[in-house]
Every structure is written in structure tokens, then in C-alpha cells.
């Protein structure tokens, strides 16, 4: 059974709010074992700007260095379209719900 670390993201991922997530995610990235998965729960995210996108790319690059991955759960259509426009949607796996994620990874929250 694969270890999945869930991080609940909320509100707007912009210059002001992203800094608190960076502290949490940087700590998790430093501590995760090779082959781990970090799931970002986007069910309450309403907006992402270029700073938020830059941090997503940075976190993903750092996680990939550990042969691990970031996945995104519950992203709304508008945010997914934003990631597609800047061509980074290809760098992540997306799951519609936590239940679908758990079934795919054979885990329980």
C-alpha cells in the first residue's frame, strides 16, 4: 500500500496565501521517503495566479527529485483550464474525488 500525504489547499493560491502552503509543503517534501505521493486537495481553491503556478512547478520539481509525485484532487474546471493554458497540466495526475484517489492507490484517508 502506497503512502499518500494529503494537503488541503484553500481559497486563492496567490502571492499572499501561497507562502503558508510553501512552509508546509517544503517541510513535507524534505521529510517524505522516495516513492511517496503528495495529494493537493483543491476542493476549496477558487483562484491561482502566476505565483501559485510557479510554486506548483517548484514543488513538483522538488518532489520528482525524490522519485515521488504530486497529484491534484477536486480541481475545478476553471483552474484545470488555467493549468492547461500554461502547459503544466501534463506534469500532474488529477482525481475527481478523494474516494477515486483512494481506490486508485488502494489507501484509506
PDB file of N, CA and C in Angstrom:
ATOM      1  N   UNK A   1       0.841  -1.173   0.000  1.00  0.00           N
ATOM      2  CA  UNK A   1       0.000   0.000   0.000  1.00  0.00           C
ATOM      3  C   UNK A   1       0.893   1.245   0.000  1.00  0.00           C
ATOM      4  N   UNK A   2       0.655   2.125  -0.935  1.00  0.00           N
ATOM      5  CA  UNK A   2       1.465   3.327  -1.090  1.00  0.00           C
ATOM      6  C   UNK A   2       1.049   4.395  -0.085  1.00  0.00           C
ATOM      7  N   UNK A   3       2.035   5.137   0.447  1.00  0.00           N
ATOM      8  CA  UNK A   3       1.769   6.218   1.391  1.00  0.00           C
ATOM      9  C   UNK A   3       1.409   7.479   0.619  1.00  0.00           C
ATOM     10  N   UNK A   4       0.236   8.053   0.944  1.00  0.00           N
ATOM     11  CA  UNK A   4      -0.216   9.290   0.318  1.00  0.00           C
ATOM     12  C   UNK A   4      -0.368  10.340   1.406  1.00  0.00           C
ATOM     13  N   UNK A   5       0.287  11.476   1.218  1.00  0.00           N
ATOM     14  CA  UNK A   5       0.222  12.596   2.159  1.00  0.00           C
ATOM     15  C   UNK A   5      -0.757  13.618   1.601  1.00  0.00           C
ATOM     16  N   UNK A   6      -1.834  13.921   2.336  1.00  0.00           N
ATOM     17  CA  UNK A   6      -2.866  14.846   1.861  1.00  0.00           C
ATOM     18  C   UNK A   6      -2.626  16.242   2.436  1.00  0.00           C
ATOM     19  N   UNK A   7      -2.684  17.239   1.570  1.00  0.00           N
ATOM     20  CA  UNK A   7      -2.580  18.640   1.980  1.00  0.00           C
ATOM     21  C   UNK A   7      -3.813  19.360   1.452  1.00  0.00           C
ATOM     22  N   UNK A   8      -4.607  19.915   2.347  1.00  0.00           N
ATOM     23  CA  UNK A   8      -5.806  20.645   1.930  1.00  0.00           C
ATOM     24  C   UNK A   8      -5.436  22.083   1.595  1.00  0.00           C
ATOM     25  N   UNK A   9      -5.690  22.456   0.362  1.00  0.00           N
ATOM     26  CA  UNK A   9      -5.435  23.813  -0.116  1.00  0.00           C
ATOM     27  C   UNK A   9      -6.759  24.569  -0.062  1.00  0.00           C
ATOM     28  N   UNK A  10      -6.704  25.861   0.256  1.00  0.00           N
ATOM     29  CA  UNK A  10      -7.942  26.631   0.377  1.00  0.00           C
ATOM     30  C   UNK A  10      -7.792  28.016  -0.228  1.00  0.00           C
ATOM     31  N   UNK A  11      -8.910  28.549  -0.646  1.00  0.00           N
ATOM     32  CA  UNK A  11      -9.071  29.913  -1.124  1.00  0.00           C
ATOM     33  C   UNK A  11      -8.270  30.196  -2.374  1.00  0.00           C
ATOM     34  N   UNK A  12      -7.538  31.282  -2.339  1.00  0.00           N
ATOM     35  CA  UNK A  12      -6.784  31.724  -3.504  1.00  0.00           C
ATOM     36  C   UNK A  12      -5.310  31.378  -3.339  1.00  0.00           C
ATOM     37  N   UNK A  13      -4.741  30.771  -4.357  1.00  0.00           N
ATOM     38  CA  UNK A  13      -3.304  30.470  -4.334  1.00  0.00           C
ATOM     39  C   UNK A  13      -2.606  31.613  -5.063  1.00  0.00           C
ATOM     40  N   UNK A  14      -2.359  32.660  -4.303  1.00  0.00           N
ATOM     41  CA  UNK A  14      -1.753  33.867  -4.861  1.00  0.00           C
ATOM     42  C   UNK A  14      -0.528  34.252  -4.044  1.00  0.00           C
ATOM     43  N   UNK A  15       0.033  35.383  -4.344  1.00  0.00           N
ATOM     44  CA  UNK A  15       1.272  35.829  -3.711  1.00  0.00           C
ATOM     45  C   UNK A  15       1.172  35.861  -2.189  1.00  0.00           C
ATOM     46  N   UNK A  16       0.040  36.235  -1.669  1.00  0.00           N
ATOM     47  CA  UNK A  16      -0.118  36.355  -0.213  1.00  0.00           C
ATOM     48  C   UNK A  16      -0.336  34.994   0.440  1.00  0.00           C
ATOM     49  N   UNK A  17      -1.277  34.220  -0.069  1.00  0.00           N
ATOM     50  CA  UNK A  17      -1.667  32.966   0.587  1.00  0.00           C
ATOM     51  C   UNK A  17      -0.718  31.808   0.342  1.00  0.00           C
ATOM     52  N   UNK A  18       0.009  31.824  -0.744  1.00  0.00           N
ATOM     53  CA  UNK A  18       0.838  30.670  -1.120  1.00  0.00           C
ATOM     54  C   UNK A  18       1.997  30.451  -0.144  1.00  0.00           C
ATOM     55  N   UNK A  19       2.429  31.492   0.529  1.00  0.00           N
ATOM     56  CA  UNK A  19       3.590  31.387   1.420  1.00  0.00           C
ATOM     57  C   UNK A  19       3.355  30.414   2.570  1.00  0.00           C
ATOM     58  N   UNK A  20       2.139  30.394   3.121  1.00  0.00           N
ATOM     59  CA  UNK A  20       1.877  29.460   4.228  1.00  0.00           C
ATOM     60  C   UNK A  20       1.896  28.015   3.736  1.00  0.00           C
ATOM     61  N   UNK A  21       1.407  27.799   2.516  1.00  0.00           N
ATOM     62  CA  UNK A  21       1.457  26.455   1.950  1.00  0.00           C
ATOM     63  C   UNK A  21       2.887  26.039   1.641  1.00  0.00           C
ATOM     64  N   UNK A  22       3.704  27.004   1.233  1.00  0.00           N
ATOM     65  CA  UNK A  22       5.092  26.675   0.919  1.00  0.00           C
ATOM     66  C   UNK A  22       5.832  26.160   2.149  1.00  0.00           C
ATOM     67  N   UNK A  23       5.564  26.739   3.295  1.00  0.00           N
ATOM     68  CA  UNK A  23       6.211  26.274   4.536  1.00  0.00           C
ATOM     69  C   UNK A  23       5.823  24.823   4.803  1.00  0.00           C
ATOM     70  N   UNK A  24       4.531  24.525   4.741  1.00  0.00           N
ATOM     71  CA  UNK A  24       4.053  23.163   4.998  1.00  0.00           C
ATOM     72  C   UNK A  24       4.590  22.180   3.958  1.00  0.00           C
ATOM     73  N   UNK A  25       4.438  22.525   2.692  1.00  0.00           N
ATOM     74  CA  UNK A  25       4.868  21.606   1.635  1.00  0.00           C
ATOM     75  C   UNK A  25       6.375  21.425   1.602  1.00  0.00           C
ATOM     76  N   UNK A  26       7.126  22.470   1.870  1.00  0.00           N
ATOM     77  CA  UNK A  26       8.584  22.330   1.906  1.00  0.00           C
ATOM     78  C   UNK A  26       9.009  21.356   2.997  1.00  0.00           C
ATOM     79  N   UNK A  27       8.361  21.440   4.154  1.00  0.00           N
ATOM     80  CA  UNK A  27       8.664  20.509   5.245  1.00  0.00           C
ATOM     81  C   UNK A  27       8.323  19.080   4.843  1.00  0.00           C
ATOM     82  N   UNK A  28       7.154  18.890   4.264  1.00  0.00           N
ATOM     83  CA  UNK A  28       6.752  17.542   3.831  1.00  0.00           C
ATOM     84  C   UNK A  28       7.706  17.012   2.771  1.00  0.00           C
ATOM     85  N   UNK A  29       8.039  17.844   1.800  1.00  0.00           N
ATOM     86  CA  UNK A  29       8.950  17.407   0.730  1.00  0.00           C
ATOM     87  C   UNK A  29      10.306  17.003   1.307  1.00  0.00           C
ATOM     88  N   UNK A  30      10.776  17.751   2.287  1.00  0.00           N
ATOM     89  CA  UNK A  30      12.060  17.410   2.919  1.00  0.00           C
ATOM     90  C   UNK A  30      11.992  16.075   3.651  1.00  0.00           C
ATOM     91  N   UNK A  31      10.818  15.733   4.175  1.00  0.00           N
ATOM     92  CA  UNK A  31      10.688  14.540   5.021  1.00  0.00           C
ATOM     93  C   UNK A  31      10.184  13.289   4.306  1.00  0.00           C
ATOM     94  N   UNK A  32       9.567  13.434   3.139  1.00  0.00           N
ATOM     95  CA  UNK A  32       8.997  12.247   2.500  1.00  0.00           C
ATOM     96  C   UNK A  32      10.067  11.276   2.036  1.00  0.00           C
ATOM     97  N   UNK A  33       9.658  10.035   2.022  1.00  0.00           N
ATOM     98  CA  UNK A  33      10.541   8.987   1.538  1.00  0.00           C
ATOM     99  C   UNK A  33      10.410   8.867   0.031  1.00  0.00           C
ATOM    100  N   UNK A  34      11.421   8.316  -0.584  1.00  0.00           N
ATOM    101  CA  UNK A  34      11.387   8.071  -2.028  1.00  0.00           C
ATOM    102  C   UNK A  34      10.162   7.238  -2.375  1.00  0.00           C
ATOM    103  N   UNK A  35       9.497   7.615  -3.461  1.00  0.00           N
ATOM    104  CA  UNK A  35       8.330   6.875  -3.921  1.00  0.00           C
ATOM    105  C   UNK A  35       7.017   7.285  -3.274  1.00  0.00           C
ATOM    106  N   UNK A  36       7.032   8.345  -2.483  1.00  0.00           N
ATOM    107  CA  UNK A  36       5.806   8.815  -1.836  1.00  0.00           C
ATOM    108  C   UNK A  36       4.950   9.635  -2.795  1.00  0.00           C
ATOM    109  N   UNK A  37       3.710   9.845  -2.394  1.00  0.00           N
ATOM    110  CA  UNK A  37       2.788  10.673  -3.166  1.00  0.00           C
ATOM    111  C   UNK A  37       2.241  11.763  -2.259  1.00  0.00           C
ATOM    112  N   UNK A  38       2.217  12.984  -2.775  1.00  0.00           N
ATOM    113  CA  UNK A  38       1.619  14.114  -2.069  1.00  0.00           C
ATOM    114  C   UNK A  38       0.368  14.504  -2.854  1.00  0.00           C
ATOM    115  N   UNK A  39      -0.783  14.472  -2.195  1.00  0.00           N
ATOM    116  CA  UNK A  39      -2.007  14.892  -2.875  1.00  0.00           C
ATOM    117  C   UNK A  39      -2.406  16.272  -2.376  1.00  0.00           C
ATOM    118  N   UNK A  40      -2.628  17.164  -3.320  1.00  0.00           N
ATOM    119  CA  UNK A  40      -3.098  18.509  -3.017  1.00  0.00           C
ATOM    120  C   UNK A  40      -4.598  18.531  -3.233  1.00  0.00           C
ATOM    121  N   UNK A  41      -5.343  18.762  -2.176  1.00  0.00           N
ATOM    122  CA  UNK A  41      -6.800  18.761  -2.233  1.00  0.00           C
ATOM    123  C   UNK A  41      -7.267  20.181  -2.565  1.00  0.00           C
ATOM    124  N   UNK A  42      -7.755  20.348  -3.778  1.00  0.00           N
ATOM    125  CA  UNK A  42      -8.121  21.665  -4.300  1.00  0.00           C
ATOM    126  C   UNK A  42      -9.614  21.967  -4.181  1.00  0.00           C
ATOM    127  N   UNK A  43     -10.373  21.215  -3.382  1.00  0.00           N
ATOM    128  CA  UNK A  43     -11.816  21.406  -3.350  1.00  0.00           C
ATOM    129  C   UNK A  43     -12.245  22.804  -2.924  1.00  0.00           C
ATOM    130  N   UNK A  44     -11.442  23.526  -2.178  1.00  0.00           N
ATOM    131  CA  UNK A  44     -11.795  24.880  -1.752  1.00  0.00           C
ATOM    132  C   UNK A  44     -10.942  25.952  -2.424  1.00  0.00           C
ATOM    133  N   UNK A  45     -10.182  25.601  -3.452  1.00  0.00           N
ATOM    134  CA  UNK A  45      -9.364  26.583  -4.157  1.00  0.00           C
ATOM    135  C   UNK A  45     -10.217  27.241  -5.235  1.00  0.00           C
ATOM    136  N   UNK A  46     -10.234  28.566  -5.219  1.00  0.00           N
ATOM    137  CA  UNK A  46     -11.060  29.300  -6.171  1.00  0.00           C
ATOM    138  C   UNK A  46     -10.251  30.060  -7.213  1.00  0.00           C
ATOM    139  N   UNK A  47      -8.950  30.203  -6.992  1.00  0.00           N
ATOM    140  CA  UNK A  47      -8.143  31.044  -7.876  1.00  0.00           C
ATOM    141  C   UNK A  47      -6.677  30.658  -7.738  1.00  0.00           C
ATOM    142  N   UNK A  48      -5.943  30.735  -8.840  1.00  0.00           N
ATOM    143  CA  UNK A  48      -4.491  30.562  -8.803  1.00  0.00           C
ATOM    144  C   UNK A  48      -3.888  31.575  -9.772  1.00  0.00           C
ATOM    145  N   UNK A  49      -2.847  32.271  -9.312  1.00  0.00           N
ATOM    146  CA  UNK A  49      -2.179  33.223 -10.204  1.00  0.00           C
ATOM    147  C   UNK A  49      -0.800  32.686 -10.571  1.00  0.00           C
ATOM    148  N   UNK A  50      -0.007  33.510 -11.237  1.00  0.00           N
ATOM    149  CA  UNK A  50       1.300  33.053 -11.718  1.00  0.00           C
ATOM    150  C   UNK A  50       2.223  32.652 -10.571  1.00  0.00           C
ATOM    151  N   UNK A  51       2.108  33.294  -9.427  1.00  0.00           N
ATOM    152  CA  UNK A  51       2.928  32.908  -8.272  1.00  0.00           C
ATOM    153  C   UNK A  51       2.531  31.520  -7.792  1.00  0.00           C
ATOM    154  N   UNK A  52       1.251  31.268  -7.705  1.00  0.00           N
ATOM    155  CA  UNK A  52       0.779  29.946  -7.306  1.00  0.00           C
ATOM    156  C   UNK A  52       1.212  28.874  -8.285  1.00  0.00           C
ATOM    157  N   UNK A  53       1.155  29.185  -9.566  1.00  0.00           N
ATOM    158  CA  UNK A  53       1.597  28.235 -10.593  1.00  0.00           C
ATOM    159  C   UNK A  53       3.089  27.976 -10.466  1.00  0.00           C
ATOM    160  N   UNK A  54       3.865  29.019 -10.225  1.00  0.00           N
ATOM    161  CA  UNK A  54       5.316  28.851 -10.056  1.00  0.00           C
ATOM    162  C   UNK A  54       5.602  27.912  -8.885  1.00  0.00           C
ATOM    163  N   UNK A  55       4.890  28.104  -7.766  1.00  0.00           N
ATOM    164  CA  UNK A  55       5.098  27.224  -6.613  1.00  0.00           C
ATOM    165  C   UNK A  55       4.698  25.787  -6.928  1.00  0.00           C
ATOM    166  N   UNK A  56       3.605  25.579  -7.655  1.00  0.00           N
ATOM    167  CA  UNK A  56       3.234  24.212  -8.055  1.00  0.00           C
ATOM    168  C   UNK A  56       4.365  23.552  -8.837  1.00  0.00           C
ATOM    169  N   UNK A  57       4.938  24.294  -9.770  1.00  0.00           N
ATOM    170  CA  UNK A  57       6.052  23.765 -10.577  1.00  0.00           C
ATOM    171  C   UNK A  57       7.248  23.461  -9.691  1.00  0.00           C
ATOM    172  N   UNK A  58       7.579  24.372  -8.789  1.00  0.00           N
ATOM    173  CA  UNK A  58       8.719  24.176  -7.889  1.00  0.00           C
ATOM    174  C   UNK A  58       8.510  22.958  -6.995  1.00  0.00           C
ATOM    175  N   UNK A  59       7.337  22.854  -6.374  1.00  0.00           N
ATOM    176  CA  UNK A  59       7.065  21.692  -5.517  1.00  0.00           C
ATOM    177  C   UNK A  59       7.157  20.397  -6.312  1.00  0.00           C
ATOM    178  N   UNK A  60       6.601  20.410  -7.511  1.00  0.00           N
ATOM    179  CA  UNK A  60       6.623  19.214  -8.344  1.00  0.00           C
ATOM    180  C   UNK A  60       8.056  18.824  -8.708  1.00  0.00           C
ATOM    181  N   UNK A  61       8.872  19.797  -9.063  1.00  0.00           N
ATOM    182  CA  UNK A  61      10.275  19.505  -9.384  1.00  0.00           C
ATOM    183  C   UNK A  61      11.011  18.932  -8.184  1.00  0.00           C
ATOM    184  N   UNK A  62      10.780  19.500  -7.011  1.00  0.00           N
ATOM    185  CA  UNK A  62      11.459  19.012  -5.798  1.00  0.00           C
ATOM    186  C   UNK A  62      10.991  17.611  -5.420  1.00  0.00           C
ATOM    187  N   UNK A  63       9.708  17.348  -5.568  1.00  0.00           N
ATOM    188  CA  UNK A  63       9.173  16.019  -5.270  1.00  0.00           C
ATOM    189  C   UNK A  63       9.710  14.997  -6.273  1.00  0.00           C
ATOM    190  N   UNK A  64       9.774  15.367  -7.540  1.00  0.00           N
ATOM    191  CA  UNK A  64      10.293  14.463  -8.566  1.00  0.00           C
ATOM    192  C   UNK A  64      11.739  14.077  -8.312  1.00  0.00           C
ATOM    193  N   UNK A  65      12.514  14.966  -7.709  1.00  0.00           N
ATOM    194  CA  UNK A  65      13.901  14.643  -7.365  1.00  0.00           C
ATOM    195  C   UNK A  65      13.975  13.480  -6.382  1.00  0.00           C
ATOM    196  N   UNK A  66      12.916  13.265  -5.629  1.00  0.00           N
ATOM    197  CA  UNK A  66      12.854  12.150  -4.673  1.00  0.00           C
ATOM    198  C   UNK A  66      12.116  10.954  -5.270  1.00  0.00           C
ATOM    199  N   UNK A  67      11.964  10.917  -6.578  1.00  0.00           N
ATOM    200  CA  UNK A  67      11.245   9.847  -7.265  1.00  0.00           C
ATOM    201  C   UNK A  67       9.845   9.687  -6.675  1.00  0.00           C
ATOM    202  N   UNK A  68       9.264  10.811  -6.340  1.00  0.00           N
ATOM    203  CA  UNK A  68       7.914  10.844  -5.790  1.00  0.00           C
ATOM    204  C   UNK A  68       7.054  11.693  -6.712  1.00  0.00           C
ATOM    205  N   UNK A  69       5.769  11.898  -6.343  1.00  0.00           N
ATOM    206  CA  UNK A  69       4.917  12.679  -7.233  1.00  0.00           C
ATOM    207  C   UNK A  69       3.871  13.461  -6.452  1.00  0.00           C
ATOM    208  N   UNK A  70       3.385  14.511  -7.108  1.00  0.00           N
ATOM    209  CA  UNK A  70       2.269  15.298  -6.598  1.00  0.00           C
ATOM    210  C   UNK A  70       1.072  15.018  -7.485  1.00  0.00           C
ATOM    211  N   UNK A  71      -0.073  14.797  -6.843  1.00  0.00           N
ATOM    212  CA  UNK A  71      -1.321  14.650  -7.577  1.00  0.00           C
ATOM    213  C   UNK A  71      -2.300  15.706  -7.059  1.00  0.00           C
ATOM    214  N   UNK A  72      -3.268  16.041  -7.871  1.00  0.00           N
ATOM    215  CA  UNK A  72      -4.238  17.066  -7.503  1.00  0.00           C
ATOM    216  C   UNK A  72      -5.636  16.450  -7.515  1.00  0.00           C
ATOM    217  N   UNK A  73      -6.373  16.701  -6.425  1.00  0.00           N
ATOM    218  CA  UNK A  73      -7.710  16.144  -6.248  1.00  0.00           C
ATOM    219  C   UNK A  73      -8.709  17.297  -6.147  1.00  0.00           C
ATOM    220  N   UNK A  74      -9.884  17.092  -6.743  1.00  0.00           N
ATOM    221  CA  UNK A  74     -11.002  18.036  -6.646  1.00  0.00           C
ATOM    222  C   UNK A  74     -10.712  19.394  -7.288  1.00  0.00           C
ATOM    223  N   UNK A  75      -9.965  19.453  -8.353  1.00  0.00           N
ATOM    224  CA  UNK A  75      -9.713  20.741  -9.001  1.00  0.00           C
ATOM    225  C   UNK A  75     -10.939  21.133  -9.826  1.00  0.00           C
ATOM    226  N   UNK A  76     -11.299  22.408  -9.771  1.00  0.00           N
ATOM    227  CA  UNK A  76     -12.462  22.818 -10.561  1.00  0.00           C
ATOM    228  C   UNK A  76     -12.055  23.053 -12.019  1.00  0.00           C
ATOM    229  N   UNK A  77     -13.047  23.102 -12.874  1.00  0.00           N
ATOM    230  CA  UNK A  77     -12.819  23.184 -14.323  1.00  0.00           C
ATOM    231  C   UNK A  77     -12.018  24.431 -14.709  1.00  0.00           C
ATOM    232  N   UNK A  78     -12.321  25.555 -14.093  1.00  0.00           N
ATOM    233  CA  UNK A  78     -11.628  26.807 -14.420  1.00  0.00           C
ATOM    234  C   UNK A  78     -10.132  26.723 -14.074  1.00  0.00           C
ATOM    235  N   UNK A  79      -9.811  26.175 -12.911  1.00  0.00           N
ATOM    236  CA  UNK A  79      -8.402  26.052 -12.524  1.00  0.00           C
ATOM    237  C   UNK A  79      -7.668  25.054 -13.413  1.00  0.00           C
ATOM    238  N   UNK A  80      -8.326  23.960 -13.755  1.00  0.00           N
ATOM    239  CA  UNK A  80      -7.714  22.986 -14.655  1.00  0.00           C
ATOM    240  C   UNK A  80      -7.423  23.624 -16.007  1.00  0.00           C
ATOM    241  N   UNK A  81      -8.347  24.423 -16.508  1.00  0.00           N
ATOM    242  CA  UNK A  81      -8.128  25.127 -17.779  1.00  0.00           C
ATOM    243  C   UNK A  81      -6.931  26.072 -17.680  1.00  0.00           C
ATOM    244  N   UNK A  82      -6.777  26.736 -16.538  1.00  0.00           N
ATOM    245  CA  UNK A  82      -5.621  27.623 -16.328  1.00  0.00           C
ATOM    246  C   UNK A  82      -4.322  26.829 -16.414  1.00  0.00           C
ATOM    247  N   UNK A  83      -4.280  25.664 -15.777  1.00  0.00           N
ATOM    248  CA  UNK A  83      -3.066  24.839 -15.827  1.00  0.00           C
ATOM    249  C   UNK A  83      -2.805  24.332 -17.241  1.00  0.00           C
ATOM    250  N   UNK A  84      -3.860  24.063 -17.986  1.00  0.00           N
ATOM    251  CA  UNK A  84      -3.702  23.621 -19.379  1.00  0.00           C
ATOM    252  C   UNK A  84      -3.134  24.744 -20.243  1.00  0.00           C
ATOM    253  N   UNK A  85      -3.574  25.966 -20.012  1.00  0.00           N
ATOM    254  CA  UNK A  85      -3.098  27.108 -20.797  1.00  0.00           C
ATOM    255  C   UNK A  85      -1.588  27.284 -20.656  1.00  0.00           C
ATOM    256  N   UNK A  86      -1.063  27.050 -19.460  1.00  0.00           N
ATOM    257  CA  UNK A  86       0.377  27.230 -19.238  1.00  0.00           C
ATOM    258  C   UNK A  86       1.147  25.913 -19.366  1.00  0.00           C
ATOM    259  N   UNK A  87       0.480  24.892 -19.875  1.00  0.00           N
ATOM    260  CA  UNK A  87       1.092  23.606 -20.223  1.00  0.00           C
ATOM    261  C   UNK A  87       1.662  22.825 -19.045  1.00  0.00           C
ATOM    262  N   UNK A  88       1.157  23.039 -17.839  1.00  0.00           N
ATOM    263  CA  UNK A  88       1.681  22.225 -16.743  1.00  0.00           C
ATOM    264  C   UNK A  88       0.710  21.136 -16.297  1.00  0.00           C
ATOM    265  N   UNK A  89      -0.449  21.065 -16.922  1.00  0.00           N
ATOM    266  CA  UNK A  89      -1.399  20.004 -16.570  1.00  0.00           C
ATOM    267  C   UNK A  89      -0.816  18.625 -16.846  1.00  0.00           C
ATOM    268  N   UNK A  90       0.124  18.545 -17.776  1.00  0.00           N
ATOM    269  CA  UNK A  90       0.748  17.277 -18.134  1.00  0.00           C
ATOM    270  C   UNK A  90       1.680  16.753 -17.037  1.00  0.00           C
ATOM    271  N   UNK A  91       2.056  17.642 -16.111  1.00  0.00           N
ATOM    272  CA  UNK A  91       3.003  17.274 -15.062  1.00  0.00           C
ATOM    273  C   UNK A  91       2.344  16.668 -13.828  1.00  0.00           C
ATOM    274  N   UNK A  92       1.015  16.644 -13.806  1.00  0.00           N
ATOM    275  CA  UNK A  92       0.289  16.163 -12.639  1.00  0.00           C
ATOM    276  C   UNK A  92      -0.756  15.130 -13.044  1.00  0.00           C
ATOM    277  N   UNK A  93      -1.102  14.275 -12.076  1.00  0.00           N
ATOM    278  CA  UNK A  93      -2.256  13.404 -12.229  1.00  0.00           C
ATOM    279  C   UNK A  93      -3.410  14.083 -11.502  1.00  0.00           C
ATOM    280  N   UNK A  94      -4.616  13.936 -12.034  1.00  0.00           N
ATOM    281  CA  UNK A  94      -5.793  14.561 -11.445  1.00  0.00           C
ATOM    282  C   UNK A  94      -6.820  13.490 -11.093  1.00  0.00           C
ATOM    283  N   UNK A  95      -7.465  13.664  -9.926  1.00  0.00           N
ATOM    284  CA  UNK A  95      -8.518  12.760  -9.476  1.00  0.00           C
ATOM    285  C   UNK A  95      -9.727  13.594  -9.088  1.00  0.00           C
ATOM    286  N   UNK A  96     -10.904  13.115  -9.437  1.00  0.00           N
ATOM    287  CA  UNK A  96     -12.127  13.889  -9.220  1.00  0.00           C
ATOM    288  C   UNK A  96     -12.533  13.964  -7.755  1.00  0.00           C
ATOM    289  N   UNK A  97     -12.270  12.917  -6.990  1.00  0.00           N
ATOM    290  CA  UNK A  97     -12.630  12.893  -5.563  1.00  0.00           C
ATOM    291  C   UNK A  97     -11.566  12.133  -4.778  1.00  0.00           C
ATOM    292  N   UNK A  98     -11.627  12.270  -3.472  1.00  0.00           N
ATOM    293  CA  UNK A  98     -10.707  11.534  -2.607  1.00  0.00           C
ATOM    294  C   UNK A  98     -11.002  10.039  -2.662  1.00  0.00           C
ATOM    295  N   UNK A  99     -12.255   9.682  -2.871  1.00  0.00           N
ATOM    296  CA  UNK A  99     -12.620   8.268  -2.961  1.00  0.00           C
ATOM    297  C   UNK A  99     -12.007   7.619  -4.203  1.00  0.00           C
ATOM    298  N   UNK A 100     -12.029   8.333  -5.314  1.00  0.00           N
ATOM    299  CA  UNK A 100     -11.415   7.824  -6.543  1.00  0.00           C
ATOM    300  C   UNK A 100      -9.900   7.689  -6.346  1.00  0.00           C
ATOM    301  N   UNK A 101      -9.314   8.666  -5.694  1.00  0.00           N
ATOM    302  CA  UNK A 101      -7.869   8.602  -5.393  1.00  0.00           C
ATOM    303  C   UNK A 101      -7.558   7.390  -4.523  1.00  0.00           C
ATOM    304  N   UNK A 102      -8.317   7.212  -3.453  1.00  0.00           N
ATOM    305  CA  UNK A 102      -8.062   6.093  -2.549  1.00  0.00           C
ATOM    306  C   UNK A 102      -8.204   4.751  -3.250  1.00  0.00           C
ATOM    307  N   UNK A 103      -9.198   4.656  -4.124  1.00  0.00           N
ATOM    308  CA  UNK A 103      -9.387   3.411  -4.860  1.00  0.00           C
ATOM    309  C   UNK A 103      -8.193   3.160  -5.778  1.00  0.00           C
ATOM    310  N   UNK A 104      -7.712   4.214  -6.441  1.00  0.00           N
ATOM    311  CA  UNK A 104      -6.573   4.069  -7.360  1.00  0.00           C
ATOM    312  C   UNK A 104      -5.297   3.686  -6.623  1.00  0.00           C
ATOM    313  N   UNK A 105      -5.145   4.195  -5.407  1.00  0.00           N
ATOM    314  CA  UNK A 105      -3.923   3.934  -4.660  1.00  0.00           C
ATOM    315  C   UNK A 105      -4.115   2.861  -3.602  1.00  0.00           C
ATOM    316  N   UNK A 106      -5.331   2.316  -3.501  1.00  0.00           N
ATOM    317  CA  UNK A 106      -5.622   1.280  -2.524  1.00  0.00           C
ATOM    318  C   UNK A 106      -5.281   1.743  -1.113  1.00  0.00           C
ATOM    319  N   UNK A 107      -5.725   2.970  -0.786  1.00  0.00           N
ATOM    320  CA  UNK A 107      -5.458   3.532   0.538  1.00  0.00           C
ATOM    321  C   UNK A 107      -6.762   3.963   1.167  1.00  0.00           C
ATOM    322  N   UNK A 108      -6.694   4.351   2.427  1.00  0.00           N
ATOM    323  CA  UNK A 108      -7.839   4.915   3.130  1.00  0.00           C
ATOM    324  C   UNK A 108      -7.379   6.218   3.767  1.00  0.00           C
ATOM    325  N   UNK A 109      -8.244   7.233   3.743  1.00  0.00           N
ATOM    326  CA  UNK A 109      -7.928   8.518   4.382  1.00  0.00           C
ATOM    327  C   UNK A 109      -8.118   8.422   5.874  1.00  0.00           C
TER     328      UNK A 109
END
